[in-house]
Amino acid sequence: MAGRSGRKADEDFRKLHAILSDIARLYTFRDKDGICRGELSLSQCYALYALRDAGPMSLNELASYLNLEKSSVSRLVRKLLDDRLIKRSEDPDDCRKISLEVTTKGSRLYGRIEQEIMDEEEELFHGFNAAERRIAIKILTRVAANVARRDGHKCLCNMDENC
């Protein structure tokens, strides 16, 4: 762990912790039925996002991205498969390797959800000018990259080569 730089830094980190905790709590637990419009659980929504933006991946890779146990991801994948939002594809060179990928139906559904999320994000940045939004994006991208790196995960922000 990096060394401490004094009381002022400690106070800054306390404030950052409080702010990030509030954002995580409020953002994650906002209108649980609203985030994926009651059509998907939050985990299913994140899985669909990951598969759409990162492309096909194995069940293990998806579990790692979602930071969930493989058994939990197997259940949510089964539901997405049953609803035909994702499909399984065999590797032509090794039939033991199975990839999961988003179907057209899944992509359309996530596109609708994403548009509603973008409308919500616009509300979050109400009163911010374009320059302030770009600064916020840059800072949050770096924070996401640092968290992912610290915890050995990937982030899909696609905004920065560090992510």
Protein backbone atom coordinates (compact mmCIF):
# COMPACT_ATOMS: atom_id res chain seq x y z
CA MET A 1 0.00 0.00 0.00
CA ALA A 2 1.28 3.46 -0.82
CA GLY A 3 2.49 5.62 2.04
CA ARG A 4 0.26 8.17 3.69
CA SER A 5 0.84 11.80 2.96
CA GLY A 6 -0.57 13.31 6.11
CA ARG A 7 -3.78 14.43 7.75
CA LYS A 8 -4.99 16.46 4.76
CA ALA A 9 -4.68 13.44 2.48
CA ASP A 10 -6.47 11.27 5.05
CA GLU A 11 -9.33 13.77 5.15
CA ASP A 12 -9.45 13.86 1.34
CA PHE A 13 -9.65 10.06 1.23
CA ARG A 14 -12.39 10.04 3.88
CA LYS A 15 -14.38 12.47 1.75
CA LEU A 16 -13.72 10.42 -1.40
CA HIS A 17 -14.82 7.27 0.41
CA ALA A 18 -18.05 8.93 1.53
CA ILE A 19 -18.77 10.27 -1.96
CA LEU A 20 -17.98 7.00 -3.74
CA SER A 21 -20.01 5.04 -1.18
CA ASP A 22 -22.98 7.33 -1.72
CA ILE A 23 -22.68 7.09 -5.50
CA ALA A 24 -22.38 3.28 -5.40
CA ARG A 25 -25.32 2.92 -3.01
CA LEU A 26 -27.61 5.37 -4.77
CA TYR A 27 -26.66 4.33 -8.28
CA THR A 28 -26.78 0.59 -7.69
CA PHE A 29 -29.99 0.56 -5.70
CA ARG A 30 -31.91 3.14 -7.70
CA ASP A 31 -35.33 1.93 -8.76
CA LYS A 32 -34.35 -1.74 -9.03
CA ASP A 33 -37.30 -2.47 -11.31
CA GLY A 34 -36.41 0.53 -13.44
CA ILE A 35 -32.75 -0.10 -14.30
CA CYS A 36 -33.49 -2.92 -16.70
CA ARG A 37 -37.14 -2.07 -17.02
CA GLY A 38 -38.30 -5.12 -15.08
CA GLU A 39 -37.25 -7.32 -18.00
CA LEU A 40 -33.89 -8.37 -16.58
CA SER A 41 -32.25 -8.62 -13.19
CA LEU A 42 -29.41 -6.20 -12.58
CA SER A 43 -26.88 -9.05 -13.00
CA GLN A 44 -28.50 -10.17 -16.25
CA CYS A 45 -28.37 -6.58 -17.49
CA TYR A 46 -24.66 -6.35 -16.65
CA ALA A 47 -24.04 -9.71 -18.37
CA LEU A 48 -25.82 -8.55 -21.52
CA TYR A 49 -23.80 -5.31 -21.45
CA ALA A 50 -20.52 -7.20 -21.07
CA LEU A 51 -21.27 -9.64 -23.87
CA ARG A 52 -22.46 -6.90 -26.18
CA ASP A 53 -19.55 -4.54 -25.57
CA ALA A 54 -16.69 -7.00 -25.04
CA GLY A 55 -17.90 -9.57 -27.51
CA PRO A 56 -18.22 -13.32 -27.05
CA MET A 57 -16.69 -14.77 -23.91
CA SER A 58 -16.74 -17.99 -21.95
CA LEU A 59 -18.82 -18.54 -18.85
CA ASN A 60 -15.66 -18.28 -16.72
CA GLU A 61 -14.68 -14.97 -18.34
CA LEU A 62 -18.19 -13.62 -17.77
CA ALA A 63 -18.13 -14.76 -14.14
CA SER A 64 -14.79 -13.00 -13.68
CA TYR A 65 -16.08 -9.79 -15.26
CA LEU A 66 -19.26 -9.82 -13.14
CA ASN A 67 -17.26 -10.78 -10.04
CA LEU A 68 -19.77 -13.55 -9.32
CA GLU A 69 -19.49 -17.26 -8.63
CA LYS A 70 -19.65 -19.47 -11.70
CA SER A 71 -22.82 -21.17 -10.33
CA SER A 72 -24.61 -17.81 -10.05
CA VAL A 73 -23.55 -16.84 -13.57
CA SER A 74 -24.69 -20.25 -14.88
CA ARG A 75 -28.19 -19.53 -13.56
CA LEU A 76 -28.38 -16.04 -15.04
CA VAL A 77 -26.96 -17.27 -18.37
CA ARG A 78 -29.57 -20.04 -18.46
CA LYS A 79 -32.32 -17.40 -18.18
CA LEU A 80 -30.74 -15.25 -20.91
CA LEU A 81 -30.44 -18.34 -23.13
CA ASP A 82 -34.05 -19.36 -22.45
CA ASP A 83 -35.19 -15.84 -23.37
CA ARG A 84 -33.02 -16.00 -26.52
CA LEU A 85 -31.13 -12.86 -25.55
CA ILE A 86 -27.79 -14.67 -25.83
CA LYS A 87 -26.63 -17.83 -27.60
CA ARG A 88 -23.88 -20.39 -27.24
CA SER A 89 -21.31 -20.88 -29.97
CA GLU A 90 -18.77 -23.68 -30.22
CA ASP A 91 -15.19 -22.94 -31.12
CA PRO A 92 -14.66 -24.47 -34.58
CA ASP A 93 -11.17 -25.62 -33.56
CA ASP A 94 -12.12 -27.02 -30.14
CA CYS A 95 -15.72 -28.16 -29.54
CA ARG A 96 -15.06 -28.15 -25.77
CA LYS A 97 -14.80 -24.34 -25.84
CA ILE A 98 -18.15 -22.57 -25.67
CA SER A 99 -18.59 -18.85 -26.11
CA LEU A 100 -21.61 -16.81 -25.13
CA GLU A 101 -22.71 -13.98 -27.37
CA VAL A 102 -25.61 -11.56 -27.65
CA THR A 103 -28.37 -12.32 -30.15
CA THR A 104 -30.10 -9.72 -32.28
CA LYS A 105 -33.03 -9.85 -29.85
CA GLY A 106 -30.65 -9.28 -26.91
CA SER A 107 -28.91 -6.43 -28.69
CA ARG A 108 -32.25 -4.73 -29.45
CA LEU A 109 -33.41 -5.10 -25.83
CA TYR A 110 -30.14 -3.75 -24.47
CA GLY A 111 -30.29 -0.88 -26.96
CA ARG A 112 -33.67 0.16 -25.51
CA ILE A 113 -32.38 -0.19 -21.95
CA GLU A 114 -29.21 1.72 -22.81
CA GLN A 115 -31.18 4.64 -24.24
CA GLU A 116 -33.17 4.92 -21.03
CA ILE A 117 -29.94 4.74 -19.02
CA MET A 118 -28.42 7.50 -21.17
CA ASP A 119 -31.47 9.66 -20.43
CA GLU A 120 -30.85 9.06 -16.72
CA GLU A 121 -27.14 9.86 -17.08
CA GLU A 122 -28.07 13.15 -18.72
CA GLU A 123 -30.09 13.99 -15.60
CA LEU A 124 -27.10 13.14 -13.38
CA PHE A 125 -24.97 15.70 -15.20
CA HIS A 126 -27.63 18.39 -15.39
CA GLY A 127 -25.93 21.75 -14.97
CA PHE A 128 -22.51 20.47 -16.06
CA ASN A 129 -21.05 22.00 -19.20
CA ALA A 130 -19.26 19.87 -21.82
CA ALA A 131 -15.80 20.59 -20.38
CA GLU A 132 -16.92 19.57 -16.87
CA ARG A 133 -18.46 16.36 -18.23
CA ARG A 134 -15.20 15.48 -20.02
CA ILE A 135 -13.22 16.09 -16.81
CA ALA A 136 -15.64 13.88 -14.85
CA ILE A 137 -15.35 11.15 -17.50
CA LYS A 138 -11.56 11.31 -17.41
CA ILE A 139 -11.42 11.11 -13.60
CA LEU A 140 -14.02 8.35 -13.32
CA THR A 141 -12.30 6.35 -16.08
CA ARG A 142 -9.03 6.47 -14.17
CA VAL A 143 -10.79 5.48 -10.93
CA ALA A 144 -12.48 2.53 -12.70
CA ALA A 145 -9.16 1.43 -14.20
CA ASN A 146 -7.45 1.63 -10.79
CA VAL A 147 -10.22 -0.38 -9.11
CA ALA A 148 -10.14 -3.01 -11.86
CA ARG A 149 -6.35 -3.24 -11.72
CA ARG A 150 -6.34 -3.43 -7.92
CA ASP A 151 -8.95 -6.19 -7.87
CA GLY A 152 -7.61 -8.10 -10.89
CA HIS A 153 -10.68 -7.46 -13.04
CA LYS A 154 -11.35 -5.90 -16.40
CA CYS A 155 -13.39 -2.81 -16.99
CA LEU A 156 -15.29 -2.22 -20.19
CA CYS A 157 -15.29 1.55 -20.19
CA ASN A 158 -13.47 1.63 -23.54
CA MET A 159 -12.62 5.26 -22.85
CA ASP A 160 -8.96 4.84 -22.06
CA GLU A 161 -6.17 2.48 -22.98
CA ASN A 162 -5.71 1.83 -19.25
CA CYS A 163 -9.21 0.45 -18.94
